[in-house]
Amino acid sequence: MLKSERYGTRIPSEREYRIIELVALGLKNREVADAIGTTEHVVKNYLRVIYDKLGLWNRVELALWYEARRYEQEGNAGEPGALGSHRSPNGDGQA
């Protein structure tokens, strides 16, 4: 499966993106609700919509999606070694 096929192609709204950001920072639904001035129930509904929109299943996938986009926006995507030292599966430091 190609990376582009793995995730949905719809773009989150500004409010949805703010929720994604807060969840990726590790906030619980109640903390996200307090931060954006709404209820925990509304945050849960937003997360359901966000998961459907992006083709994700859970908070971990959402945080990884957010970090991947943040990294791309910093302009480092595609640069060799941009993530630091990569280790091969056998741990010998060879990428």
N, C-alpha and C. Protein backbone atom coordinates (compact mmCIF):
# COMPACT_ATOMS: atom_id res chain seq x y z
N MET A 1 0.85 -1.18 0.00
CA MET A 1 0.00 0.00 0.00
C MET A 1 0.89 1.24 0.00
N LEU A 2 0.63 2.14 -0.91
CA LEU A 2 1.38 3.38 -0.98
C LEU A 2 1.00 4.31 0.15
N LYS A 3 1.96 5.16 0.56
CA LYS A 3 1.70 6.11 1.62
C LYS A 3 0.49 6.98 1.29
N SER A 4 0.39 7.42 0.04
CA SER A 4 -0.72 8.29 -0.35
C SER A 4 -2.07 7.57 -0.29
N GLU A 5 -2.06 6.23 -0.38
CA GLU A 5 -3.30 5.47 -0.30
C GLU A 5 -3.71 5.21 1.15
N ARG A 6 -2.78 5.31 2.08
CA ARG A 6 -3.02 4.96 3.47
C ARG A 6 -3.94 5.96 4.16
N TYR A 7 -3.77 7.21 3.90
CA TYR A 7 -4.53 8.24 4.60
C TYR A 7 -5.55 8.87 3.67
N GLY A 8 -6.61 9.39 4.27
CA GLY A 8 -7.62 10.11 3.50
C GLY A 8 -7.01 11.36 2.89
N THR A 9 -7.69 11.93 1.94
CA THR A 9 -7.15 13.08 1.23
C THR A 9 -7.84 14.39 1.58
N ARG A 10 -8.83 14.34 2.47
CA ARG A 10 -9.53 15.57 2.84
C ARG A 10 -8.71 16.37 3.83
N ILE A 11 -8.81 17.68 3.76
CA ILE A 11 -8.01 18.58 4.59
C ILE A 11 -8.82 19.03 5.81
N PRO A 12 -8.22 18.94 7.01
CA PRO A 12 -8.94 19.39 8.22
C PRO A 12 -9.16 20.90 8.21
N SER A 13 -10.27 21.33 8.83
CA SER A 13 -10.52 22.76 9.00
C SER A 13 -9.53 23.32 10.02
N GLU A 14 -9.53 24.64 10.19
CA GLU A 14 -8.64 25.27 11.17
C GLU A 14 -8.93 24.75 12.58
N ARG A 15 -10.19 24.66 12.92
CA ARG A 15 -10.58 24.18 14.26
C ARG A 15 -10.17 22.72 14.45
N GLU A 16 -10.42 21.91 13.43
CA GLU A 16 -10.00 20.51 13.50
C GLU A 16 -8.49 20.41 13.64
N TYR A 17 -7.77 21.23 12.90
CA TYR A 17 -6.31 21.18 12.97
C TYR A 17 -5.82 21.58 14.37
N ARG A 18 -6.48 22.54 15.01
CA ARG A 18 -6.12 22.92 16.38
C ARG A 18 -6.33 21.75 17.34
N ILE A 19 -7.42 21.02 17.16
CA ILE A 19 -7.68 19.84 17.98
C ILE A 19 -6.62 18.78 17.73
N ILE A 20 -6.28 18.56 16.48
CA ILE A 20 -5.22 17.61 16.13
C ILE A 20 -3.92 17.99 16.84
N GLU A 21 -3.58 19.26 16.77
CA GLU A 21 -2.36 19.76 17.40
C GLU A 21 -2.35 19.48 18.91
N LEU A 22 -3.45 19.77 19.57
CA LEU A 22 -3.53 19.57 21.02
C LEU A 22 -3.48 18.09 21.39
N VAL A 23 -4.15 17.25 20.61
CA VAL A 23 -4.10 15.81 20.86
C VAL A 23 -2.68 15.29 20.64
N ALA A 24 -2.03 15.76 19.60
CA ALA A 24 -0.65 15.33 19.31
C ALA A 24 0.31 15.76 20.41
N LEU A 25 -0.02 16.83 21.12
CA LEU A 25 0.81 17.28 22.24
C LEU A 25 0.55 16.45 23.50
N GLY A 26 -0.44 15.55 23.44
CA GLY A 26 -0.70 14.64 24.54
C GLY A 26 -1.83 15.04 25.46
N LEU A 27 -2.60 16.06 25.10
CA LEU A 27 -3.71 16.49 25.94
C LEU A 27 -4.86 15.48 25.88
N LYS A 28 -5.54 15.32 26.99
CA LYS A 28 -6.73 14.47 27.05
C LYS A 28 -7.91 15.27 26.50
N ASN A 29 -8.99 14.56 26.18
CA ASN A 29 -10.16 15.22 25.61
C ASN A 29 -10.66 16.37 26.48
N ARG A 30 -10.70 16.17 27.78
CA ARG A 30 -11.15 17.23 28.71
C ARG A 30 -10.23 18.45 28.61
N GLU A 31 -8.93 18.23 28.52
CA GLU A 31 -7.96 19.33 28.42
C GLU A 31 -8.09 20.05 27.08
N VAL A 32 -8.32 19.28 26.03
CA VAL A 32 -8.54 19.89 24.70
C VAL A 32 -9.79 20.76 24.75
N ALA A 33 -10.84 20.23 25.35
CA ALA A 33 -12.10 20.98 25.46
C ALA A 33 -11.89 22.29 26.20
N ASP A 34 -11.17 22.24 27.32
CA ASP A 34 -10.89 23.46 28.08
C ASP A 34 -10.08 24.46 27.26
N ALA A 35 -9.12 23.95 26.50
CA ALA A 35 -8.24 24.82 25.71
C ALA A 35 -8.97 25.55 24.59
N ILE A 36 -9.98 24.89 24.00
CA ILE A 36 -10.69 25.53 22.89
C ILE A 36 -12.06 26.06 23.29
N GLY A 37 -12.41 25.92 24.56
CA GLY A 37 -13.65 26.50 25.06
C GLY A 37 -14.90 25.77 24.64
N THR A 38 -14.88 24.45 24.75
CA THR A 38 -16.06 23.66 24.42
C THR A 38 -16.17 22.51 25.41
N THR A 39 -17.00 21.51 25.09
CA THR A 39 -17.18 20.38 25.99
C THR A 39 -16.41 19.16 25.49
N GLU A 40 -16.20 18.23 26.41
CA GLU A 40 -15.52 16.99 26.06
C GLU A 40 -16.29 16.22 24.99
N HIS A 41 -17.61 16.26 25.07
CA HIS A 41 -18.45 15.57 24.08
C HIS A 41 -18.21 16.13 22.67
N VAL A 42 -18.11 17.44 22.56
CA VAL A 42 -17.85 18.06 21.26
C VAL A 42 -16.48 17.64 20.73
N VAL A 43 -15.49 17.58 21.61
CA VAL A 43 -14.14 17.15 21.20
C VAL A 43 -14.18 15.72 20.67
N LYS A 44 -14.91 14.84 21.36
CA LYS A 44 -15.04 13.45 20.90
C LYS A 44 -15.68 13.39 19.52
N ASN A 45 -16.69 14.22 19.29
CA ASN A 45 -17.32 14.27 17.96
C ASN A 45 -16.34 14.77 16.91
N TYR A 46 -15.59 15.82 17.24
CA TYR A 46 -14.58 16.32 16.31
C TYR A 46 -13.57 15.22 15.98
N LEU A 47 -13.11 14.51 16.98
CA LEU A 47 -12.12 13.45 16.74
C LEU A 47 -12.68 12.37 15.83
N ARG A 48 -13.93 11.98 16.02
CA ARG A 48 -14.55 10.99 15.14
C ARG A 48 -14.54 11.47 13.69
N VAL A 49 -14.92 12.74 13.49
CA VAL A 49 -14.94 13.33 12.15
C VAL A 49 -13.52 13.40 11.58
N ILE A 50 -12.57 13.81 12.41
CA ILE A 50 -11.18 13.92 11.97
C ILE A 50 -10.64 12.55 11.57
N TYR A 51 -10.87 11.52 12.39
CA TYR A 51 -10.41 10.17 12.05
C TYR A 51 -10.99 9.73 10.71
N ASP A 52 -12.28 9.95 10.51
CA ASP A 52 -12.92 9.58 9.25
C ASP A 52 -12.34 10.36 8.08
N LYS A 53 -12.16 11.65 8.29
CA LYS A 53 -11.67 12.53 7.23
C LYS A 53 -10.26 12.14 6.78
N LEU A 54 -9.42 11.77 7.75
CA LEU A 54 -8.01 11.48 7.44
C LEU A 54 -7.74 9.99 7.25
N GLY A 55 -8.75 9.16 7.47
CA GLY A 55 -8.57 7.72 7.30
C GLY A 55 -7.74 7.12 8.43
N LEU A 56 -7.92 7.61 9.64
CA LEU A 56 -7.15 7.14 10.79
C LEU A 56 -8.05 6.38 11.75
N TRP A 57 -7.43 5.67 12.70
CA TRP A 57 -8.19 4.86 13.65
C TRP A 57 -8.08 5.33 15.09
N ASN A 58 -7.01 6.03 15.46
CA ASN A 58 -6.83 6.35 16.87
C ASN A 58 -5.90 7.55 17.07
N ARG A 59 -5.69 7.93 18.34
CA ARG A 59 -4.89 9.10 18.71
C ARG A 59 -3.43 8.95 18.31
N VAL A 60 -2.91 7.73 18.39
CA VAL A 60 -1.51 7.51 18.02
C VAL A 60 -1.31 7.80 16.53
N GLU A 61 -2.19 7.25 15.71
CA GLU A 61 -2.10 7.53 14.27
C GLU A 61 -2.27 9.02 14.00
N LEU A 62 -3.16 9.66 14.74
CA LEU A 62 -3.39 11.10 14.56
C LEU A 62 -2.14 11.89 14.92
N ALA A 63 -1.47 11.54 16.01
CA ALA A 63 -0.25 12.22 16.41
C ALA A 63 0.85 12.00 15.37
N LEU A 64 0.95 10.80 14.83
CA LEU A 64 1.95 10.53 13.79
C LEU A 64 1.64 11.31 12.51
N TRP A 65 0.35 11.40 12.17
CA TRP A 65 -0.06 12.19 11.00
C TRP A 65 0.36 13.65 11.18
N TYR A 66 0.09 14.18 12.38
CA TYR A 66 0.42 15.57 12.69
C TYR A 66 1.94 15.80 12.60
N GLU A 67 2.71 14.92 13.20
CA GLU A 67 4.17 15.08 13.19
C GLU A 67 4.73 15.01 11.77
N ALA A 68 4.18 14.11 10.95
CA ALA A 68 4.63 14.00 9.56
C ALA A 68 4.35 15.30 8.80
N ARG A 69 3.17 15.88 9.00
CA ARG A 69 2.84 17.14 8.31
C ARG A 69 3.69 18.28 8.83
N ARG A 70 3.92 18.32 10.13
CA ARG A 70 4.74 19.37 10.73
C ARG A 70 6.16 19.30 10.19
N TYR A 71 6.68 18.11 10.08
CA TYR A 71 8.02 17.90 9.54
C TYR A 71 8.10 18.37 8.09
N GLU A 72 7.09 18.03 7.29
CA GLU A 72 7.06 18.46 5.89
C GLU A 72 7.01 19.97 5.78
N GLN A 73 6.24 20.62 6.66
CA GLN A 73 6.10 22.08 6.62
C GLN A 73 7.40 22.78 7.00
N GLU A 74 8.24 22.13 7.78
CA GLU A 74 9.52 22.72 8.15
C GLU A 74 10.51 22.69 7.00
N GLY A 75 10.14 22.03 5.90
CA GLY A 75 10.99 22.02 4.72
C GLY A 75 12.08 20.97 4.74
N ASN A 76 11.97 19.99 5.62
CA ASN A 76 13.01 18.98 5.72
C ASN A 76 12.67 17.70 4.97
N ALA A 77 11.48 17.61 4.43
CA ALA A 77 11.08 16.38 3.76
C ALA A 77 11.98 16.08 2.58
N GLY A 78 12.41 14.85 2.50
CA GLY A 78 13.21 14.42 1.36
C GLY A 78 14.69 14.67 1.50
N GLU A 79 15.13 15.36 2.53
CA GLU A 79 16.56 15.60 2.69
C GLU A 79 17.20 14.39 3.36
N PRO A 80 18.26 13.85 2.75
CA PRO A 80 18.92 12.70 3.35
C PRO A 80 19.45 13.04 4.74
N GLY A 81 19.19 12.17 5.69
CA GLY A 81 19.72 12.36 7.03
C GLY A 81 19.03 13.44 7.84
N ALA A 82 17.93 13.97 7.35
CA ALA A 82 17.26 15.08 8.02
C ALA A 82 16.70 14.69 9.38
N LEU A 83 16.42 13.42 9.56
CA LEU A 83 15.88 12.97 10.84
C LEU A 83 16.97 12.56 11.82
N GLY A 84 18.20 12.79 11.48
CA GLY A 84 19.29 12.40 12.37
C GLY A 84 19.81 11.04 11.98
N SER A 85 20.41 10.36 12.92
CA SER A 85 21.02 9.08 12.60
C SER A 85 19.95 8.00 12.51
N HIS A 86 19.90 7.34 11.37
CA HIS A 86 18.94 6.27 11.16
C HIS A 86 19.62 4.95 11.46
N ARG A 87 18.89 4.04 12.00
CA ARG A 87 19.40 2.70 12.27
C ARG A 87 18.67 1.70 11.39
N SER A 88 19.43 0.75 10.91
CA SER A 88 18.81 -0.32 10.14
C SER A 88 18.16 -1.29 11.11
N PRO A 89 17.33 -2.20 10.60
CA PRO A 89 16.69 -3.14 11.51
C PRO A 89 17.67 -4.00 12.31
N ASN A 90 18.88 -4.22 11.78
CA ASN A 90 19.84 -5.03 12.52
C ASN A 90 20.70 -4.18 13.46
N GLY A 91 20.47 -2.85 13.53
CA GLY A 91 21.13 -1.98 14.51
C GLY A 91 22.56 -1.60 14.21
N ASP A 92 23.01 -1.81 12.95
CA ASP A 92 24.41 -1.50 12.64
C ASP A 92 24.63 -0.07 12.18
N GLY A 93 23.60 0.76 12.19
CA GLY A 93 23.73 2.16 11.81
C GLY A 93 23.69 2.40 10.32
N GLN A 94 23.58 1.35 9.53
CA GLN A 94 23.49 1.48 8.09
C GLN A 94 22.04 1.68 7.69
N ALA A 95 21.78 2.76 6.95
CA ALA A 95 20.40 3.06 6.56
C ALA A 95 19.97 2.21 5.41
